């Protein structure tokens, strides 16, 4: 939820958000993730997001990012369970539409989603894995208080090698303890 100091509000992902997901599938926004997905892939991703948002087991949540006070949906963010180095953790990822980048939207949304993950009280750590070449997303991690653990190799999408930074936020630390905004 938004606050007096946050330019964003997070709203649970719903059936009505397929258009937002399609807008976030733009080539310039997907450049660090292997390029845009097909229509079929988007429909499947959308359904996963809807299902995850309806889940109440603590497996995670997906949200649309709403810019305040304009009340305009401007992006996608969420957190979900992942096994990382043998430990269950949450992972997060986001996309902010091109016309709304550079306003602090992604950082505010990342701080807000970390609070949601913290409130779930299920996993100690929240990880983010932006491409090493994605300066903007790496800056979001730094500003949101994540600790850089180093570079790692991934396949994303499957079959495509991707070099990422492993950023970690300790959800047991108090909110904003390491915030560097």
N, C-alpha and C. Protein backbone atom coordinates (compact mmCIF):
# COMPACT_ATOMS: atom_id res chain seq x y z
N UNK A 1 0.83 -1.18 0.00
CA UNK A 1 0.00 0.00 0.00
C UNK A 1 0.87 1.24 0.00
N UNK A 2 0.37 2.28 -0.58
CA UNK A 2 1.11 3.53 -0.63
C UNK A 2 1.18 4.20 0.72
N UNK A 3 2.04 5.17 0.84
CA UNK A 3 2.14 5.96 2.06
C UNK A 3 2.31 7.41 1.63
N UNK A 4 2.39 8.30 2.61
CA UNK A 4 2.52 9.72 2.28
C UNK A 4 3.83 10.01 1.54
N UNK A 5 4.85 9.16 1.71
CA UNK A 5 6.14 9.40 1.08
C UNK A 5 6.37 8.54 -0.16
N UNK A 6 5.51 7.58 -0.43
CA UNK A 6 5.71 6.68 -1.55
C UNK A 6 4.94 7.16 -2.77
N UNK A 7 5.59 7.17 -3.94
CA UNK A 7 4.89 7.58 -5.16
C UNK A 7 4.05 6.45 -5.75
N UNK A 8 4.03 5.28 -5.09
CA UNK A 8 3.33 4.13 -5.66
C UNK A 8 2.44 3.44 -4.63
N UNK A 9 1.52 2.67 -5.19
CA UNK A 9 0.68 1.78 -4.40
C UNK A 9 0.72 0.43 -5.10
N UNK A 10 0.80 -0.65 -4.35
CA UNK A 10 0.76 -1.98 -4.93
C UNK A 10 -0.66 -2.52 -4.82
N UNK A 11 -1.16 -3.06 -5.92
CA UNK A 11 -2.48 -3.69 -5.95
C UNK A 11 -2.33 -5.11 -6.45
N UNK A 12 -3.05 -6.04 -5.83
CA UNK A 12 -2.97 -7.45 -6.22
C UNK A 12 -3.24 -7.62 -7.71
N UNK A 13 -2.43 -8.46 -8.33
CA UNK A 13 -2.59 -8.77 -9.75
C UNK A 13 -3.94 -9.45 -9.95
N UNK A 14 -4.62 -9.12 -11.04
CA UNK A 14 -5.94 -9.71 -11.30
C UNK A 14 -6.11 -10.00 -12.78
N UNK A 15 -7.23 -10.62 -13.10
CA UNK A 15 -7.55 -10.95 -14.49
C UNK A 15 -7.47 -9.73 -15.40
N UNK A 16 -7.78 -8.56 -14.90
CA UNK A 16 -7.82 -7.35 -15.73
C UNK A 16 -6.44 -6.83 -16.14
N UNK A 17 -5.36 -7.44 -15.64
CA UNK A 17 -4.01 -6.91 -15.84
C UNK A 17 -3.25 -7.48 -17.03
N UNK A 18 -3.89 -8.28 -17.86
CA UNK A 18 -3.19 -8.83 -19.03
C UNK A 18 -2.67 -7.71 -19.94
N UNK A 19 -3.43 -6.65 -20.11
CA UNK A 19 -2.98 -5.53 -20.95
C UNK A 19 -1.71 -4.88 -20.41
N UNK A 20 -1.61 -4.76 -19.10
CA UNK A 20 -0.40 -4.21 -18.48
C UNK A 20 0.79 -5.13 -18.73
N UNK A 21 0.57 -6.43 -18.61
CA UNK A 21 1.65 -7.39 -18.87
C UNK A 21 2.10 -7.30 -20.34
N UNK A 22 1.16 -7.12 -21.25
CA UNK A 22 1.51 -6.97 -22.67
C UNK A 22 2.33 -5.70 -22.88
N UNK A 23 1.95 -4.62 -22.21
CA UNK A 23 2.71 -3.36 -22.34
C UNK A 23 4.12 -3.52 -21.78
N UNK A 24 4.27 -4.32 -20.73
CA UNK A 24 5.58 -4.55 -20.13
C UNK A 24 6.45 -5.50 -20.95
N UNK A 25 5.89 -6.09 -21.98
CA UNK A 25 6.59 -7.04 -22.84
C UNK A 25 7.29 -6.34 -24.01
N UNK A 26 7.43 -5.02 -23.94
CA UNK A 26 8.05 -4.24 -25.01
C UNK A 26 9.52 -4.63 -25.17
N UNK A 27 10.04 -4.64 -26.39
CA UNK A 27 11.43 -5.03 -26.63
C UNK A 27 12.44 -4.29 -25.75
N UNK A 28 12.27 -2.97 -25.57
CA UNK A 28 13.23 -2.22 -24.75
C UNK A 28 13.17 -2.60 -23.27
N UNK A 29 12.03 -3.11 -22.82
CA UNK A 29 11.89 -3.52 -21.42
C UNK A 29 12.34 -4.96 -21.19
N UNK A 30 12.38 -5.73 -22.25
CA UNK A 30 12.75 -7.14 -22.15
C UNK A 30 14.17 -7.42 -22.65
N UNK A 31 14.90 -6.38 -22.98
CA UNK A 31 16.24 -6.53 -23.55
C UNK A 31 17.18 -7.33 -22.65
N UNK A 32 17.07 -7.17 -21.34
CA UNK A 32 17.95 -7.88 -20.41
C UNK A 32 17.41 -9.26 -20.02
N UNK A 33 16.27 -9.64 -20.59
CA UNK A 33 15.63 -10.92 -20.24
C UNK A 33 15.39 -11.80 -21.45
N UNK A 34 16.16 -11.62 -22.49
CA UNK A 34 16.05 -12.49 -23.64
C UNK A 34 15.05 -12.05 -24.69
N UNK A 35 14.47 -10.87 -24.54
CA UNK A 35 13.53 -10.36 -25.53
C UNK A 35 12.09 -10.64 -25.17
N UNK A 36 11.17 -10.07 -25.94
CA UNK A 36 9.74 -10.21 -25.66
C UNK A 36 9.28 -11.67 -25.74
N UNK A 37 8.25 -11.96 -24.98
CA UNK A 37 7.63 -13.28 -25.00
C UNK A 37 6.55 -13.34 -26.06
N UNK A 38 6.18 -14.54 -26.46
CA UNK A 38 5.10 -14.74 -27.41
C UNK A 38 3.77 -14.50 -26.70
N UNK A 39 2.72 -14.35 -27.47
CA UNK A 39 1.37 -14.18 -26.90
C UNK A 39 1.02 -15.36 -25.98
N UNK A 40 1.33 -16.57 -26.43
CA UNK A 40 1.04 -17.76 -25.61
C UNK A 40 1.81 -17.73 -24.29
N UNK A 41 3.08 -17.35 -24.34
CA UNK A 41 3.88 -17.24 -23.11
C UNK A 41 3.31 -16.19 -22.16
N UNK A 42 2.86 -15.06 -22.73
CA UNK A 42 2.28 -13.99 -21.90
C UNK A 42 1.00 -14.44 -21.21
N UNK A 43 0.15 -15.15 -21.94
CA UNK A 43 -1.10 -15.63 -21.35
C UNK A 43 -0.80 -16.60 -20.21
N UNK A 44 0.18 -17.47 -20.39
CA UNK A 44 0.56 -18.41 -19.32
C UNK A 44 1.16 -17.67 -18.13
N UNK A 45 2.01 -16.68 -18.38
CA UNK A 45 2.60 -15.89 -17.31
C UNK A 45 1.50 -15.15 -16.54
N UNK A 46 0.57 -14.55 -17.27
CA UNK A 46 -0.53 -13.83 -16.65
C UNK A 46 -1.31 -14.76 -15.71
N UNK A 47 -1.61 -15.97 -16.17
CA UNK A 47 -2.36 -16.90 -15.32
C UNK A 47 -1.56 -17.28 -14.08
N UNK A 48 -0.24 -17.46 -14.23
CA UNK A 48 0.60 -17.74 -13.06
C UNK A 48 0.53 -16.57 -12.07
N UNK A 49 0.55 -15.34 -12.58
CA UNK A 49 0.46 -14.17 -11.72
C UNK A 49 -0.89 -14.10 -11.00
N UNK A 50 -1.97 -14.38 -11.72
CA UNK A 50 -3.30 -14.38 -11.12
C UNK A 50 -3.35 -15.44 -10.02
N UNK A 51 -2.87 -16.65 -10.33
CA UNK A 51 -2.88 -17.73 -9.35
C UNK A 51 -2.04 -17.40 -8.13
N UNK A 52 -0.85 -16.84 -8.35
CA UNK A 52 0.03 -16.50 -7.23
C UNK A 52 -0.61 -15.43 -6.35
N UNK A 53 -1.29 -14.48 -6.96
CA UNK A 53 -1.93 -13.42 -6.19
C UNK A 53 -3.10 -13.92 -5.37
N UNK A 54 -3.70 -15.03 -5.79
CA UNK A 54 -4.82 -15.60 -5.05
C UNK A 54 -4.33 -16.54 -3.94
N UNK A 55 -3.07 -16.93 -4.00
CA UNK A 55 -2.50 -17.87 -3.03
C UNK A 55 -2.37 -17.21 -1.66
N UNK A 56 -2.75 -17.91 -0.62
CA UNK A 56 -2.65 -17.36 0.74
C UNK A 56 -1.74 -18.20 1.62
N UNK A 57 -0.87 -19.01 0.98
CA UNK A 57 0.03 -19.88 1.74
C UNK A 57 1.36 -19.23 2.05
N UNK A 58 1.58 -18.02 1.52
CA UNK A 58 2.87 -17.37 1.69
C UNK A 58 3.85 -17.69 0.58
N UNK A 59 3.36 -18.32 -0.50
CA UNK A 59 4.22 -18.66 -1.63
C UNK A 59 4.67 -17.43 -2.40
N UNK A 60 4.00 -16.31 -2.18
CA UNK A 60 4.35 -15.06 -2.85
C UNK A 60 3.12 -14.33 -3.33
N UNK A 61 3.35 -13.22 -4.01
CA UNK A 61 2.26 -12.41 -4.56
C UNK A 61 2.79 -11.63 -5.75
N UNK A 62 1.90 -11.31 -6.65
CA UNK A 62 2.22 -10.43 -7.78
C UNK A 62 1.32 -9.20 -7.68
N UNK A 63 1.86 -8.07 -8.13
CA UNK A 63 1.15 -6.80 -8.02
C UNK A 63 1.30 -5.96 -9.28
N UNK A 64 0.31 -5.12 -9.51
CA UNK A 64 0.48 -4.04 -10.47
C UNK A 64 0.97 -2.85 -9.65
N UNK A 65 1.85 -2.07 -10.22
CA UNK A 65 2.36 -0.86 -9.58
C UNK A 65 1.50 0.30 -10.07
N UNK A 66 0.89 1.01 -9.13
CA UNK A 66 0.03 2.14 -9.48
C UNK A 66 0.73 3.42 -9.03
N UNK A 67 0.93 4.34 -9.97
CA UNK A 67 1.56 5.62 -9.66
C UNK A 67 0.54 6.54 -9.01
N UNK A 68 0.94 7.12 -7.88
CA UNK A 68 0.08 8.07 -7.18
C UNK A 68 0.64 9.47 -7.36
N UNK A 69 -0.13 10.50 -7.41
CA UNK A 69 -1.59 10.51 -7.26
C UNK A 69 -2.34 10.30 -8.58
N UNK A 70 -1.62 10.01 -9.66
CA UNK A 70 -2.25 9.87 -10.98
C UNK A 70 -3.19 8.68 -11.09
N UNK A 71 -2.98 7.66 -10.22
CA UNK A 71 -3.79 6.43 -10.26
C UNK A 71 -3.65 5.69 -11.58
N UNK A 72 -2.41 5.64 -12.09
CA UNK A 72 -2.12 5.00 -13.37
C UNK A 72 -1.28 3.75 -13.13
N UNK A 73 -1.70 2.57 -13.67
CA UNK A 73 -0.85 1.38 -13.58
C UNK A 73 0.40 1.58 -14.44
N UNK A 74 1.59 1.43 -13.83
CA UNK A 74 2.83 1.73 -14.54
C UNK A 74 3.84 0.59 -14.53
N UNK A 75 3.48 -0.55 -13.94
CA UNK A 75 4.43 -1.64 -13.92
C UNK A 75 3.95 -2.85 -13.17
N UNK A 76 4.87 -3.80 -13.07
CA UNK A 76 4.61 -5.12 -12.49
C UNK A 76 5.72 -5.40 -11.48
N UNK A 77 5.35 -5.97 -10.33
CA UNK A 77 6.35 -6.40 -9.34
C UNK A 77 5.75 -7.55 -8.53
N UNK A 78 6.60 -8.35 -7.96
CA UNK A 78 6.11 -9.42 -7.10
C UNK A 78 7.24 -10.10 -6.38
N UNK A 79 6.86 -11.10 -5.60
CA UNK A 79 7.83 -11.97 -4.95
C UNK A 79 7.26 -13.38 -4.95
N UNK A 80 8.16 -14.36 -5.02
CA UNK A 80 7.75 -15.75 -5.11
C UNK A 80 8.84 -16.60 -4.48
N UNK A 81 8.44 -17.84 -4.12
CA UNK A 81 9.39 -18.75 -3.50
C UNK A 81 10.34 -19.33 -4.54
N UNK A 82 11.55 -19.59 -4.06
CA UNK A 82 12.62 -20.11 -4.90
C UNK A 82 13.58 -20.87 -3.98
N UNK A 83 14.20 -21.91 -4.48
CA UNK A 83 15.29 -22.54 -3.75
C UNK A 83 16.58 -21.99 -4.32
N UNK A 84 17.40 -21.39 -3.45
CA UNK A 84 18.63 -20.77 -3.88
C UNK A 84 19.76 -21.28 -3.00
N UNK A 85 20.76 -21.90 -3.62
CA UNK A 85 21.88 -22.48 -2.88
C UNK A 85 21.40 -23.38 -1.75
N UNK A 86 20.35 -24.17 -2.03
CA UNK A 86 19.84 -25.15 -1.08
C UNK A 86 18.93 -24.60 0.00
N UNK A 87 18.60 -23.32 -0.07
CA UNK A 87 17.77 -22.69 0.95
C UNK A 87 16.52 -22.08 0.30
N UNK A 88 15.37 -22.22 0.95
CA UNK A 88 14.15 -21.58 0.46
C UNK A 88 14.22 -20.09 0.76
N UNK A 89 13.99 -19.29 -0.27
CA UNK A 89 14.04 -17.83 -0.17
C UNK A 89 12.89 -17.29 -1.01
N UNK A 90 12.71 -15.98 -0.92
CA UNK A 90 11.85 -15.29 -1.88
C UNK A 90 12.74 -14.66 -2.93
N UNK A 91 12.22 -14.58 -4.14
CA UNK A 91 12.86 -13.84 -5.23
C UNK A 91 11.90 -12.73 -5.64
N UNK A 92 12.44 -11.62 -6.09
CA UNK A 92 11.61 -10.54 -6.60
C UNK A 92 12.09 -10.10 -7.97
N UNK A 93 11.19 -9.51 -8.70
CA UNK A 93 11.50 -8.94 -10.00
C UNK A 93 10.45 -7.91 -10.35
N UNK A 94 10.77 -7.00 -11.26
CA UNK A 94 9.87 -5.90 -11.59
C UNK A 94 10.11 -5.42 -13.00
N UNK A 95 9.12 -4.72 -13.51
CA UNK A 95 9.21 -3.99 -14.77
C UNK A 95 8.40 -2.71 -14.60
N UNK A 96 9.00 -1.60 -14.96
CA UNK A 96 8.30 -0.31 -14.97
C UNK A 96 8.24 0.15 -16.43
N UNK A 97 7.06 0.54 -16.87
CA UNK A 97 6.89 0.98 -18.26
C UNK A 97 7.83 2.14 -18.57
N UNK A 98 8.33 2.17 -19.79
CA UNK A 98 9.38 3.12 -20.20
C UNK A 98 9.03 4.58 -19.87
N UNK A 99 7.83 4.99 -20.09
CA UNK A 99 7.45 6.38 -19.87
C UNK A 99 7.43 6.80 -18.40
N UNK A 100 7.61 5.84 -17.49
CA UNK A 100 7.55 6.14 -16.06
C UNK A 100 8.85 5.83 -15.34
N UNK A 101 9.88 5.49 -16.09
CA UNK A 101 11.18 5.20 -15.49
C UNK A 101 11.88 6.49 -15.11
N UNK A 102 12.82 6.40 -14.17
CA UNK A 102 13.59 7.55 -13.75
C UNK A 102 12.89 8.44 -12.73
N UNK A 103 11.79 7.97 -12.16
CA UNK A 103 11.03 8.74 -11.18
C UNK A 103 11.06 8.12 -9.78
N UNK A 104 11.83 7.07 -9.60
CA UNK A 104 11.86 6.39 -8.31
C UNK A 104 10.76 5.36 -8.12
N UNK A 105 10.01 5.08 -9.17
CA UNK A 105 8.89 4.14 -9.09
C UNK A 105 9.38 2.74 -8.74
N UNK A 106 10.39 2.24 -9.44
CA UNK A 106 10.87 0.87 -9.20
C UNK A 106 11.43 0.73 -7.79
N UNK A 107 12.17 1.72 -7.32
CA UNK A 107 12.73 1.65 -5.97
C UNK A 107 11.61 1.66 -4.93
N UNK A 108 10.65 2.55 -5.07
CA UNK A 108 9.53 2.60 -4.11
C UNK A 108 8.74 1.30 -4.13
N UNK A 109 8.51 0.74 -5.31
CA UNK A 109 7.77 -0.51 -5.42
C UNK A 109 8.56 -1.67 -4.81
N UNK A 110 9.88 -1.67 -5.00
CA UNK A 110 10.72 -2.73 -4.44
C UNK A 110 10.73 -2.66 -2.92
N UNK A 111 10.82 -1.48 -2.36
CA UNK A 111 10.74 -1.32 -0.90
C UNK A 111 9.38 -1.83 -0.41
N UNK A 112 8.31 -1.47 -1.12
CA UNK A 112 6.96 -1.90 -0.72
C UNK A 112 6.79 -3.40 -0.82
N UNK A 113 7.32 -4.01 -1.88
CA UNK A 113 7.17 -5.46 -2.02
C UNK A 113 8.01 -6.19 -0.98
N UNK A 114 9.15 -5.62 -0.60
CA UNK A 114 9.96 -6.22 0.47
C UNK A 114 9.18 -6.22 1.78
N UNK A 115 8.40 -5.17 2.03
CA UNK A 115 7.57 -5.12 3.23
C UNK A 115 6.50 -6.21 3.19
N UNK A 116 5.95 -6.46 2.02
CA UNK A 116 4.96 -7.54 1.88
C UNK A 116 5.60 -8.90 2.14
N UNK A 117 6.80 -9.10 1.60
CA UNK A 117 7.51 -10.36 1.83
C UNK A 117 7.88 -10.51 3.31
N UNK A 118 8.31 -9.42 3.92
CA UNK A 118 8.65 -9.43 5.35
C UNK A 118 7.41 -9.79 6.18
N UNK A 119 6.27 -9.23 5.83
CA UNK A 119 5.03 -9.48 6.57
C UNK A 119 4.57 -10.93 6.46
N UNK A 120 4.96 -11.62 5.39
CA UNK A 120 4.59 -13.03 5.23
C UNK A 120 5.28 -13.91 6.28
N UNK A 121 6.40 -13.45 6.82
CA UNK A 121 7.14 -14.16 7.87
C UNK A 121 7.41 -15.63 7.53
N UNK A 122 7.79 -15.86 6.29
CA UNK A 122 8.03 -17.24 5.86
C UNK A 122 9.50 -17.51 5.55
N UNK A 123 10.18 -16.56 4.90
CA UNK A 123 11.58 -16.75 4.53
C UNK A 123 12.40 -15.57 5.02
N UNK A 124 13.65 -15.84 5.34
CA UNK A 124 14.51 -14.78 5.87
C UNK A 124 14.98 -13.82 4.78
N UNK A 125 15.23 -14.34 3.58
CA UNK A 125 15.86 -13.52 2.55
C UNK A 125 14.98 -13.32 1.32
N UNK A 126 15.14 -12.13 0.75
CA UNK A 126 14.54 -11.77 -0.53
C UNK A 126 15.70 -11.50 -1.48
N UNK A 127 15.74 -12.20 -2.61
CA UNK A 127 16.81 -12.04 -3.59
C UNK A 127 16.27 -11.37 -4.85
N UNK A 128 17.14 -10.65 -5.53
CA UNK A 128 16.87 -10.11 -6.87
C UNK A 128 18.07 -10.46 -7.73
N UNK A 129 17.82 -10.76 -9.00
CA UNK A 129 18.87 -11.21 -9.91
C UNK A 129 18.87 -10.42 -11.21
N UNK A 130 19.13 -9.12 -11.18
CA UNK A 130 19.19 -8.37 -12.43
C UNK A 130 20.45 -8.72 -13.23
N UNK A 131 20.34 -8.63 -14.52
CA UNK A 131 21.49 -8.82 -15.40
C UNK A 131 22.60 -7.84 -14.99
N UNK A 132 23.86 -8.28 -15.08
CA UNK A 132 24.95 -7.38 -14.71
C UNK A 132 24.96 -6.13 -15.60
N UNK A 133 24.42 -6.23 -16.81
CA UNK A 133 24.37 -5.09 -17.71
C UNK A 133 23.18 -4.16 -17.50
N UNK A 134 22.29 -4.50 -16.59
CA UNK A 134 21.10 -3.69 -16.34
C UNK A 134 21.38 -2.72 -15.20
N UNK A 135 22.03 -1.61 -15.54
CA UNK A 135 22.45 -0.63 -14.53
C UNK A 135 21.28 -0.10 -13.71
N UNK A 136 20.13 0.14 -14.35
CA UNK A 136 18.98 0.69 -13.63
C UNK A 136 18.47 -0.27 -12.57
N UNK A 137 18.30 -1.54 -12.90
CA UNK A 137 17.78 -2.50 -11.92
C UNK A 137 18.80 -2.77 -10.82
N UNK A 138 20.07 -2.76 -11.15
CA UNK A 138 21.09 -2.92 -10.10
C UNK A 138 21.06 -1.72 -9.15
N UNK A 139 20.83 -0.52 -9.68
CA UNK A 139 20.72 0.67 -8.83
C UNK A 139 19.50 0.58 -7.92
N UNK A 140 18.40 0.04 -8.43
CA UNK A 140 17.20 -0.15 -7.60
C UNK A 140 17.53 -1.04 -6.41
N UNK A 141 18.22 -2.13 -6.67
CA UNK A 141 18.59 -3.05 -5.57
C UNK A 141 19.42 -2.32 -4.52
N UNK A 142 20.40 -1.58 -4.96
CA UNK A 142 21.26 -0.84 -4.03
C UNK A 142 20.44 0.15 -3.22
N UNK A 143 19.62 0.94 -3.90
CA UNK A 143 18.83 1.97 -3.23
C UNK A 143 17.79 1.38 -2.27
N UNK A 144 17.30 0.19 -2.59
CA UNK A 144 16.29 -0.46 -1.75
C UNK A 144 16.91 -1.21 -0.57
N UNK A 145 18.24 -1.16 -0.45
CA UNK A 145 18.89 -1.74 0.72
C UNK A 145 19.37 -3.16 0.58
N UNK A 146 19.37 -3.70 -0.64
CA UNK A 146 19.87 -5.05 -0.85
C UNK A 146 21.39 -5.06 -0.77
N UNK A 147 21.95 -6.19 -0.39
CA UNK A 147 23.40 -6.41 -0.32
C UNK A 147 23.83 -7.19 -1.57
N UNK A 148 24.86 -6.70 -2.26
CA UNK A 148 25.38 -7.39 -3.44
C UNK A 148 26.26 -8.54 -2.99
N UNK A 149 25.86 -9.77 -3.38
CA UNK A 149 26.63 -10.96 -3.02
C UNK A 149 27.62 -11.37 -4.11
N UNK A 150 27.40 -10.89 -5.33
CA UNK A 150 28.32 -11.22 -6.42
C UNK A 150 27.58 -11.61 -7.68
N UNK A 151 28.35 -11.98 -8.69
CA UNK A 151 27.79 -12.37 -9.98
C UNK A 151 27.53 -13.87 -10.02
N UNK A 152 26.47 -14.26 -10.76
CA UNK A 152 26.11 -15.66 -10.92
C UNK A 152 25.66 -15.89 -12.36
N UNK A 153 25.79 -17.12 -12.82
CA UNK A 153 25.32 -17.49 -14.15
C UNK A 153 23.96 -18.15 -14.04
N UNK A 154 23.06 -17.79 -14.96
CA UNK A 154 21.72 -18.34 -15.06
C UNK A 154 21.45 -18.73 -16.49
N UNK A 155 20.37 -19.44 -16.69
CA UNK A 155 19.79 -19.62 -18.02
C UNK A 155 18.43 -18.97 -17.95
N UNK A 156 18.24 -17.90 -18.69
CA UNK A 156 16.93 -17.25 -18.74
C UNK A 156 16.81 -16.46 -20.02
N UNK A 157 15.78 -16.79 -20.78
CA UNK A 157 14.93 -17.97 -20.62
C UNK A 157 15.76 -19.24 -20.79
N UNK A 158 15.16 -20.41 -20.46
CA UNK A 158 15.93 -21.66 -20.56
C UNK A 158 16.66 -21.78 -21.89
N UNK A 159 17.94 -22.12 -21.79
CA UNK A 159 18.78 -22.25 -22.98
C UNK A 159 19.57 -21.01 -23.33
N UNK A 160 19.28 -19.90 -22.68
CA UNK A 160 20.00 -18.65 -22.96
C UNK A 160 20.82 -18.26 -21.73
N UNK A 161 22.16 -18.26 -21.86
CA UNK A 161 23.00 -17.89 -20.71
C UNK A 161 22.82 -16.42 -20.34
N UNK A 162 22.79 -16.15 -19.06
CA UNK A 162 22.60 -14.79 -18.56
C UNK A 162 23.46 -14.62 -17.32
N UNK A 163 24.28 -13.58 -17.32
CA UNK A 163 25.12 -13.25 -16.17
C UNK A 163 24.37 -12.22 -15.32
N UNK A 164 24.12 -12.57 -14.07
CA UNK A 164 23.33 -11.73 -13.18
C UNK A 164 24.08 -11.40 -11.91
N UNK A 165 23.67 -10.32 -11.27
CA UNK A 165 24.11 -10.02 -9.92
C UNK A 165 23.12 -10.64 -8.95
N UNK A 166 23.64 -11.18 -7.87
CA UNK A 166 22.82 -11.75 -6.80
C UNK A 166 22.76 -10.72 -5.68
N UNK A 167 21.59 -10.08 -5.54
CA UNK A 167 21.35 -9.11 -4.49
C UNK A 167 20.46 -9.75 -3.43
N UNK A 168 20.74 -9.51 -2.16
CA UNK A 168 19.98 -10.13 -1.08
C UNK A 168 19.57 -9.09 -0.05
N UNK A 169 18.32 -9.20 0.40
CA UNK A 169 17.79 -8.35 1.46
C UNK A 169 17.39 -9.25 2.62
N UNK A 170 17.89 -8.93 3.82
CA UNK A 170 17.55 -9.69 5.02
C UNK A 170 16.19 -9.20 5.52
N UNK A 171 15.17 -10.05 5.42
CA UNK A 171 13.83 -9.68 5.83
C UNK A 171 13.66 -9.67 7.35
N UNK A 172 14.63 -10.22 8.07
CA UNK A 172 14.56 -10.18 9.53
C UNK A 172 15.12 -8.88 10.09
N UNK A 173 15.84 -8.12 9.26
CA UNK A 173 16.30 -6.79 9.68
C UNK A 173 15.08 -5.88 9.68
N UNK A 174 15.13 -4.83 10.44
CA UNK A 174 14.01 -3.90 10.49
C UNK A 174 13.83 -3.20 9.17
N UNK A 175 12.59 -2.77 8.86
CA UNK A 175 12.35 -2.05 7.60
C UNK A 175 13.22 -0.83 7.50
N UNK A 176 13.90 -0.71 6.37
CA UNK A 176 14.73 0.47 6.12
C UNK A 176 16.06 0.47 6.84
N UNK A 177 16.44 -0.62 7.55
CA UNK A 177 17.71 -0.65 8.28
C UNK A 177 18.90 -0.34 7.40
N UNK A 178 18.87 -0.83 6.16
CA UNK A 178 20.01 -0.60 5.27
C UNK A 178 19.65 0.20 4.04
N UNK A 179 18.52 0.89 4.10
CA UNK A 179 18.05 1.66 2.95
C UNK A 179 19.03 2.76 2.59
N UNK A 180 19.38 2.86 1.30
CA UNK A 180 20.39 3.79 0.83
C UNK A 180 19.82 4.80 -0.15
N UNK A 181 18.57 5.16 -0.03
CA UNK A 181 17.94 6.06 -1.01
C UNK A 181 18.55 7.43 -0.96
